[in-house]
Amino acid sequence: MIIDILDLEMLETNLFRGHGPKTGRSRVFGGQIIGQALVAASRTVQGRSPHSLHAYFVRSGDPSVPIIYDVEFLRDGESFTTRNVVARQHGQLIYQMAISFMVKENHFDHQAQMPDVPAADDLPTEKERRESIVHLLPEATHRRFLEEKSLEIRPIDPPTPPTHEPREPVRRYWVRTLQPLPIKFTEHESVLAYASDVTIAETALAPHGQTWYSDGVVSASLDHAMWFHRDFRADQWLLFDQWAPSAVGGRGLNFGNVFSDDGRLIATLTQEGMMRRRR
């Protein structure tokens, strides 16, 4: 369950150890590192919620060993609290993230409108969709493609892997945790941070007729930023509305808005990812 992945072991006041699931992958899922780093920072802050984070992936994570998160206390002000988190494995830095927290305030309020899309309950379940297309993928990927995830994702007009006709660089999908979260669970931003890395970088591949499962693509997350706007629960449907304005020089730039199912804008995110043709 996702809250097990995000439940860090406290080593010191500002030092934490995180573990990941045994998936057989060659590197750690970037969303795991984003989510765990946010949990580490949040556990050094009282009475304030994160409103933004900015991060860089420096090296690939090794899924066979734990990740150590070191939280640096940068500032504790009257309204804002700032933390810096570095993640290390094998004595090397693999990830760095700055996070800002803020007390709740009521001031000006406006937002972008949610696009008109089919409701999540009107779409096939993720299990149904994956079982219907798994035969199109290389046999070596079938097990990973069909394994149960921590999140339930229901794409709107999804591309068919491993390749498809070039299309507009827009991806929209509904997501929520596969299992309900405890009523008193408070780290919904960390769950959303975990989910934010699932498909955003793939948006820039759409105009080139490629997906993560295309043999001709080498990809990795480079940097990641999020802004949290309004309260939400991660076990209720959230709409990711993503677009990619540019791909050039082996990099693709992606943006996204996240809406609750009642139309509130709850977060905005952006990520630049490496995307190269395999040689």
Protein backbone atom coordinates (compact mmCIF):
# COMPACT_ATOMS: atom_id res chain seq x y z
CA MET A 1 0.00 0.00 0.00
CA ILE A 2 1.24 3.48 -0.80
CA ILE A 3 1.26 4.63 2.83
CA ASP A 4 3.73 1.82 3.58
CA ILE A 5 6.08 3.20 0.90
CA LEU A 6 5.75 6.69 2.39
CA ASP A 7 6.19 5.58 6.02
CA LEU A 8 9.83 6.53 6.66
CA GLU A 9 12.06 5.29 9.46
CA MET A 10 13.36 8.14 11.64
CA LEU A 11 17.09 7.84 12.35
CA GLU A 12 17.72 11.31 13.83
CA THR A 13 15.71 14.53 14.19
CA ASN A 14 16.44 15.41 10.57
CA LEU A 15 17.52 12.04 9.13
CA PHE A 16 15.18 9.42 7.66
CA ARG A 17 15.42 6.09 5.84
CA GLY A 18 13.01 5.06 3.11
CA HIS A 19 12.34 1.67 1.55
CA GLY A 20 10.65 0.83 -1.72
CA PRO A 21 8.77 -2.15 -3.13
CA LYS A 22 10.68 -4.99 -4.77
CA THR A 23 9.63 -4.59 -8.40
CA GLY A 24 12.55 -5.98 -10.34
CA ARG A 25 13.15 -2.62 -12.02
CA SER A 26 16.67 -1.36 -12.65
CA ARG A 27 16.06 2.02 -10.97
CA VAL A 28 13.81 3.58 -8.33
CA PHE A 29 10.54 5.13 -9.51
CA GLY A 30 10.98 8.91 -9.35
CA GLY A 31 7.60 9.46 -7.70
CA GLN A 32 8.72 7.33 -4.76
CA ILE A 33 11.66 9.67 -4.14
CA ILE A 34 9.54 12.82 -4.52
CA GLY A 35 6.91 11.50 -2.11
CA GLN A 36 9.37 10.19 0.47
CA ALA A 37 11.41 13.41 0.41
CA LEU A 38 8.24 15.42 1.05
CA VAL A 39 7.32 13.13 3.94
CA ALA A 40 10.79 13.61 5.44
CA ALA A 41 10.52 17.40 5.26
CA SER A 42 6.92 17.41 6.54
CA ARG A 43 7.91 15.48 9.66
CA THR A 44 10.14 18.37 10.72
CA VAL A 45 7.31 20.94 10.44
CA GLN A 46 4.31 21.40 12.73
CA GLY A 47 0.97 23.06 11.88
CA ARG A 48 1.85 24.01 8.29
CA SER A 49 1.21 22.42 4.91
CA PRO A 50 3.52 22.33 1.89
CA HIS A 51 2.62 24.83 -0.82
CA SER A 52 5.52 24.27 -3.25
CA LEU A 53 8.49 22.04 -3.99
CA HIS A 54 11.33 22.21 -6.51
CA ALA A 55 13.57 19.23 -7.15
CA TYR A 56 16.38 17.77 -9.26
CA PHE A 57 17.07 14.12 -10.00
CA VAL A 58 20.88 13.88 -9.92
CA ARG A 59 21.47 10.11 -10.25
CA SER A 60 19.31 7.04 -10.78
CA GLY A 61 18.19 5.39 -7.55
CA ASP A 62 19.16 1.80 -6.72
CA PRO A 63 16.00 -0.18 -5.78
CA SER A 64 18.02 -2.85 -3.94
CA VAL A 65 19.04 -0.59 -1.03
CA PRO A 66 17.27 1.99 1.21
CA ILE A 67 17.43 5.72 0.54
CA ILE A 68 18.69 8.11 3.23
CA TYR A 69 16.94 11.51 3.41
CA ASP A 70 18.76 14.37 5.14
CA VAL A 71 16.57 17.40 5.95
CA GLU A 72 18.22 20.81 6.30
CA PHE A 73 16.37 23.47 8.33
CA LEU A 74 16.65 26.65 6.23
CA ARG A 75 14.06 28.95 7.82
CA ASP A 76 11.18 28.99 10.30
CA GLY A 77 9.30 32.28 9.82
CA GLU A 78 5.96 33.60 11.04
CA SER A 79 4.13 32.50 7.87
CA PHE A 80 6.57 30.34 5.91
CA THR A 81 8.88 27.43 6.72
CA THR A 82 11.59 26.29 4.31
CA ARG A 83 13.38 22.95 4.19
CA ASN A 84 15.97 21.39 1.90
CA VAL A 85 16.16 17.61 1.48
CA VAL A 86 18.98 15.61 -0.08
CA ALA A 87 18.64 11.89 -0.78
CA ARG A 88 21.68 9.62 -0.81
CA GLN A 89 22.59 6.05 -1.69
CA HIS A 90 26.03 4.43 -1.65
CA GLY A 91 27.42 7.67 -0.21
CA GLN A 92 26.34 9.70 -3.25
CA LEU A 93 23.66 12.33 -3.68
CA ILE A 94 20.88 11.10 -5.98
CA TYR A 95 18.20 13.79 -5.42
CA GLN A 96 17.78 17.31 -4.03
CA MET A 97 14.53 19.13 -3.20
CA ALA A 98 13.57 22.46 -1.63
CA ILE A 99 10.11 22.66 0.00
CA SER A 100 8.18 25.63 1.36
CA PHE A 101 5.41 25.28 3.95
CA MET A 102 2.82 27.89 4.92
CA VAL A 103 0.12 28.52 7.51
CA LYS A 104 -3.49 28.49 6.22
CA GLU A 105 -4.73 31.91 5.08
CA ASN A 106 -7.82 33.28 3.32
CA HIS A 107 -7.25 36.03 0.73
CA PHE A 108 -7.79 36.38 -3.05
CA ASP A 109 -9.18 33.28 -4.76
CA HIS A 110 -9.57 32.32 -8.44
CA GLN A 111 -8.63 29.30 -10.55
CA ALA A 112 -8.48 27.78 -14.03
CA GLN A 113 -11.52 25.78 -15.06
CA MET A 114 -11.47 21.99 -15.24
CA PRO A 115 -11.81 20.61 -18.79
CA ASP A 116 -15.01 18.83 -19.76
CA VAL A 117 -14.11 15.12 -19.70
CA PRO A 118 -15.86 11.82 -19.01
CA ALA A 119 -16.25 10.94 -15.33
CA ALA A 120 -13.87 8.34 -13.92
CA ASP A 121 -16.71 5.91 -13.19
CA ASP A 122 -17.68 5.97 -16.89
CA LEU A 123 -14.25 4.68 -17.97
CA PRO A 124 -12.83 1.13 -17.91
CA THR A 125 -10.90 0.18 -14.79
CA GLU A 126 -7.14 0.11 -15.08
CA LYS A 127 -7.13 -3.68 -14.77
CA GLU A 128 -9.62 -4.01 -17.64
CA ARG A 129 -7.67 -1.63 -19.86
CA ARG A 130 -4.29 -3.23 -19.25
CA GLU A 131 -5.58 -6.76 -19.80
CA SER A 132 -7.07 -5.67 -23.13
CA ILE A 133 -3.76 -4.36 -24.54
CA VAL A 134 -1.04 -6.40 -22.83
CA HIS A 135 -0.71 -8.62 -25.91
CA LEU A 136 0.64 -5.61 -27.85
CA LEU A 137 3.70 -5.32 -25.59
CA PRO A 138 6.93 -7.33 -25.54
CA GLU A 139 6.41 -10.48 -23.48
CA ALA A 140 9.21 -9.49 -21.09
CA THR A 141 7.15 -6.47 -19.94
CA HIS A 142 3.85 -8.32 -19.34
CA ARG A 143 4.39 -9.06 -15.66
CA ARG A 144 5.31 -5.46 -14.78
CA PHE A 145 2.50 -4.09 -16.94
CA LEU A 146 -0.14 -6.24 -15.19
CA GLU A 147 1.12 -6.10 -11.60
CA GLU A 148 -1.17 -4.40 -9.10
CA LYS A 149 -0.20 -0.80 -8.42
CA SER A 150 -0.76 1.51 -5.44
CA LEU A 151 -2.77 3.83 -7.68
CA GLU A 152 -5.83 3.33 -9.87
CA ILE A 153 -5.34 5.26 -13.14
CA ARG A 154 -8.07 5.70 -15.75
CA PRO A 155 -6.79 7.50 -18.86
CA ILE A 156 -9.07 9.53 -21.12
CA ASP A 157 -8.39 8.63 -24.77
CA PRO A 158 -5.13 6.82 -23.97
CA PRO A 159 -2.53 6.01 -26.64
CA THR A 160 -2.01 2.36 -27.46
CA PRO A 161 1.49 1.16 -26.52
CA PRO A 162 4.17 0.57 -27.54
CA THR A 163 3.74 3.01 -30.48
CA HIS A 164 0.83 4.97 -31.89
CA GLU A 165 0.02 7.61 -34.44
CA PRO A 166 1.46 11.05 -33.60
CA ARG A 167 -1.07 13.08 -31.62
CA GLU A 168 -1.40 16.34 -29.73
CA PRO A 169 0.93 16.60 -26.69
CA VAL A 170 -1.97 16.41 -24.22
CA ARG A 171 -2.72 13.67 -21.69
CA ARG A 172 -5.63 13.52 -19.29
CA TYR A 173 -6.38 10.84 -16.74
CA TRP A 174 -8.16 10.22 -13.45
CA VAL A 175 -6.20 8.84 -10.49
CA ARG A 176 -6.77 7.87 -6.87
CA THR A 177 -5.21 5.44 -4.43
CA LEU A 178 -6.27 1.86 -5.06
CA GLN A 179 -7.26 1.45 -1.40
CA PRO A 180 -9.05 4.02 0.82
CA LEU A 181 -6.73 5.94 3.11
CA PRO A 182 -7.30 6.15 6.89
CA ILE A 183 -9.62 8.98 7.95
CA LYS A 184 -6.87 10.59 10.05
CA PHE A 185 -4.24 10.32 7.30
CA THR A 186 -2.76 13.82 6.74
CA GLU A 187 -0.02 13.42 4.12
CA HIS A 188 -2.18 13.63 0.99
CA GLU A 189 0.31 16.03 -0.63
CA SER A 190 2.98 13.33 -0.40
CA VAL A 191 0.69 10.81 -2.11
CA LEU A 192 -0.02 13.33 -4.87
CA ALA A 193 3.73 13.98 -5.19
CA TYR A 194 4.22 10.22 -5.65
CA ALA A 195 1.48 10.14 -8.32
CA SER A 196 2.75 13.23 -10.12
CA ASP A 197 5.64 11.35 -11.77
CA VAL A 198 3.58 8.50 -13.19
CA THR A 199 2.83 9.80 -16.70
CA ILE A 200 3.71 13.49 -16.95
CA ALA A 201 7.01 13.03 -18.81
CA GLU A 202 5.31 10.74 -21.33
CA THR A 203 3.16 13.68 -22.50
CA ALA A 204 6.03 15.06 -24.60
CA LEU A 205 6.34 11.71 -26.42
CA ALA A 206 2.82 11.88 -27.85
CA PRO A 207 3.63 14.00 -30.97
CA HIS A 208 6.36 11.48 -31.83
CA GLY A 209 4.14 8.40 -31.65
CA GLN A 210 6.01 6.93 -28.68
CA THR A 211 5.23 5.70 -25.14
CA TRP A 212 7.29 4.41 -22.20
CA TYR A 213 7.07 0.92 -23.70
CA SER A 214 8.56 1.90 -27.07
CA ASP A 215 11.89 0.16 -27.76
CA GLY A 216 13.31 3.26 -29.42
CA VAL A 217 13.07 5.60 -26.41
CA VAL A 218 15.43 6.25 -23.48
CA SER A 219 13.88 8.47 -20.81
CA ALA A 220 14.42 9.76 -17.27
CA SER A 221 13.09 12.53 -15.01
CA LEU A 222 15.43 15.53 -14.72
CA ASP A 223 13.66 18.12 -12.57
CA HIS A 224 10.24 18.44 -10.98
CA ALA A 225 8.18 21.20 -9.38
CA MET A 226 4.74 21.30 -7.74
CA TRP A 227 2.47 23.92 -6.23
CA PHE A 228 -0.37 22.85 -3.90
CA HIS A 229 -3.41 25.14 -3.98
CA ARG A 230 -6.39 23.62 -2.16
CA ASP A 231 -7.17 20.78 0.25
CA PHE A 232 -8.04 17.34 -1.14
CA ARG A 233 -8.01 13.63 -0.42
CA ALA A 234 -5.78 11.38 -2.51
CA ASP A 235 -8.22 8.45 -2.24
CA GLN A 236 -10.87 10.43 -4.16
CA TRP A 237 -10.73 10.89 -7.94
CA LEU A 238 -8.29 13.54 -9.18
CA LEU A 239 -8.05 14.68 -12.80
CA PHE A 240 -4.57 15.25 -14.24
CA ASP A 241 -4.69 17.64 -17.21
CA GLN A 242 -1.21 17.61 -18.80
CA TRP A 243 0.39 19.26 -21.84
CA ALA A 244 3.90 19.51 -23.31
CA PRO A 245 4.81 22.77 -25.08
CA SER A 246 8.29 21.71 -26.20
CA ALA A 247 10.69 18.86 -26.91
CA VAL A 248 14.20 19.65 -28.12
CA GLY A 249 17.82 18.69 -27.49
CA GLY A 250 16.96 15.37 -25.85
CA ARG A 251 14.60 16.99 -23.32
CA GLY A 252 10.81 17.30 -23.10
CA LEU A 253 9.02 19.95 -21.02
CA ASN A 254 5.66 19.08 -19.48
CA PHE A 255 3.05 20.97 -17.44
CA GLY A 256 -0.08 19.85 -15.63
CA ASN A 257 -3.04 20.95 -13.54
CA VAL A 258 -4.71 18.62 -11.05
CA PHE A 259 -8.42 18.99 -10.27
CA SER A 260 -10.69 17.35 -7.70
CA ASP A 261 -13.76 15.61 -9.11
CA ASP A 262 -15.90 18.60 -8.09
CA GLY A 263 -13.79 20.94 -10.25
CA ARG A 264 -11.45 22.57 -7.70
CA LEU A 265 -7.88 23.21 -8.87
CA ILE A 266 -5.78 21.52 -6.19
CA ALA A 267 -2.26 21.52 -7.68
CA THR A 268 -0.06 22.54 -10.61
CA LEU A 269 3.08 20.71 -11.66
CA THR A 270 5.86 20.80 -14.23
CA GLN A 271 8.66 18.43 -15.14
CA GLU A 272 11.47 18.35 -17.67
CA GLY A 273 12.52 14.86 -18.66
CA MET A 274 15.26 13.37 -20.76
CA MET A 275 13.83 11.78 -23.93
CA ARG A 276 16.28 10.40 -26.45
CA ARG A 277 16.12 8.06 -29.40
CA ARG A 278 17.84 4.81 -28.47
CA ARG A 279 21.02 4.23 -30.47
